Protein backbone atom coordinates (compact mmCIF):
# COMPACT_ATOMS: atom_id res chain seq x y z
CA MET A 1 3.52 -12.08 -44.51
CA LYS A 2 3.28 -9.03 -43.48
CA GLN A 3 -0.65 -9.37 -42.58
CA LEU A 4 -0.09 -12.31 -40.61
CA CYS A 5 2.11 -10.34 -38.52
CA CYS A 6 -0.10 -7.37 -37.70
CA VAL A 7 -3.22 -10.32 -37.14
CA GLN A 8 -0.72 -11.66 -34.98
CA ALA A 9 0.08 -8.40 -33.36
CA LEU A 10 -3.24 -7.73 -33.38
CA LEU A 11 -4.42 -10.77 -31.56
CA LEU A 12 -2.12 -10.30 -28.85
CA ILE A 13 -2.61 -7.26 -27.66
CA THR A 14 -6.24 -8.68 -27.43
CA CYS A 15 -5.23 -11.18 -25.31
CA ALA A 16 -2.94 -8.93 -23.33
CA LEU A 17 -5.85 -6.38 -22.30
CA SER A 18 -7.93 -9.43 -21.94
CA VAL A 19 -6.23 -10.68 -19.59
CA ILE A 20 -5.20 -7.37 -17.71
CA VAL A 21 -8.96 -6.94 -17.44
CA VAL A 22 -9.98 -9.96 -15.94
CA SER A 23 -7.29 -9.84 -13.40
CA ALA A 24 -8.01 -6.45 -12.16
CA ILE A 25 -12.04 -7.39 -11.94
CA ARG A 26 -10.80 -10.57 -9.87
CA LEU A 27 -8.45 -8.10 -7.91
CA MET A 28 -11.51 -5.80 -7.30
CA GLN A 29 -14.21 -8.37 -6.16
CA LEU A 30 -11.49 -9.55 -3.48
CA PRO A 31 -11.91 -8.61 0.04
CA TYR A 32 -8.61 -6.19 0.92
CA ASP A 33 -7.05 -8.69 4.09
CA LEU A 34 -6.35 -11.00 0.81
CA LEU A 35 -5.79 -8.43 -1.93
CA THR A 36 -2.89 -6.80 0.45
CA PRO A 37 -0.25 -9.52 1.52
CA PHE A 38 -0.91 -10.56 -2.27
CA ALA A 39 0.15 -6.93 -3.57
CA ILE A 40 3.20 -6.99 -1.10
CA LEU A 41 4.46 -10.65 -2.77
CA VAL A 42 4.00 -9.26 -6.26
CA VAL A 43 6.33 -6.48 -5.24
CA LEU A 44 8.62 -8.76 -3.80
């Protein structure tokens, strides 16, 4: 059971990292005019 939990935790970590990397790449590709209001909405 412990091994299964470790595998699930590793999968969750890798999924989260890939999502963060993909979103960061997409945000860098967006123009700053679109990025600024989006960032303000996220902060609010």
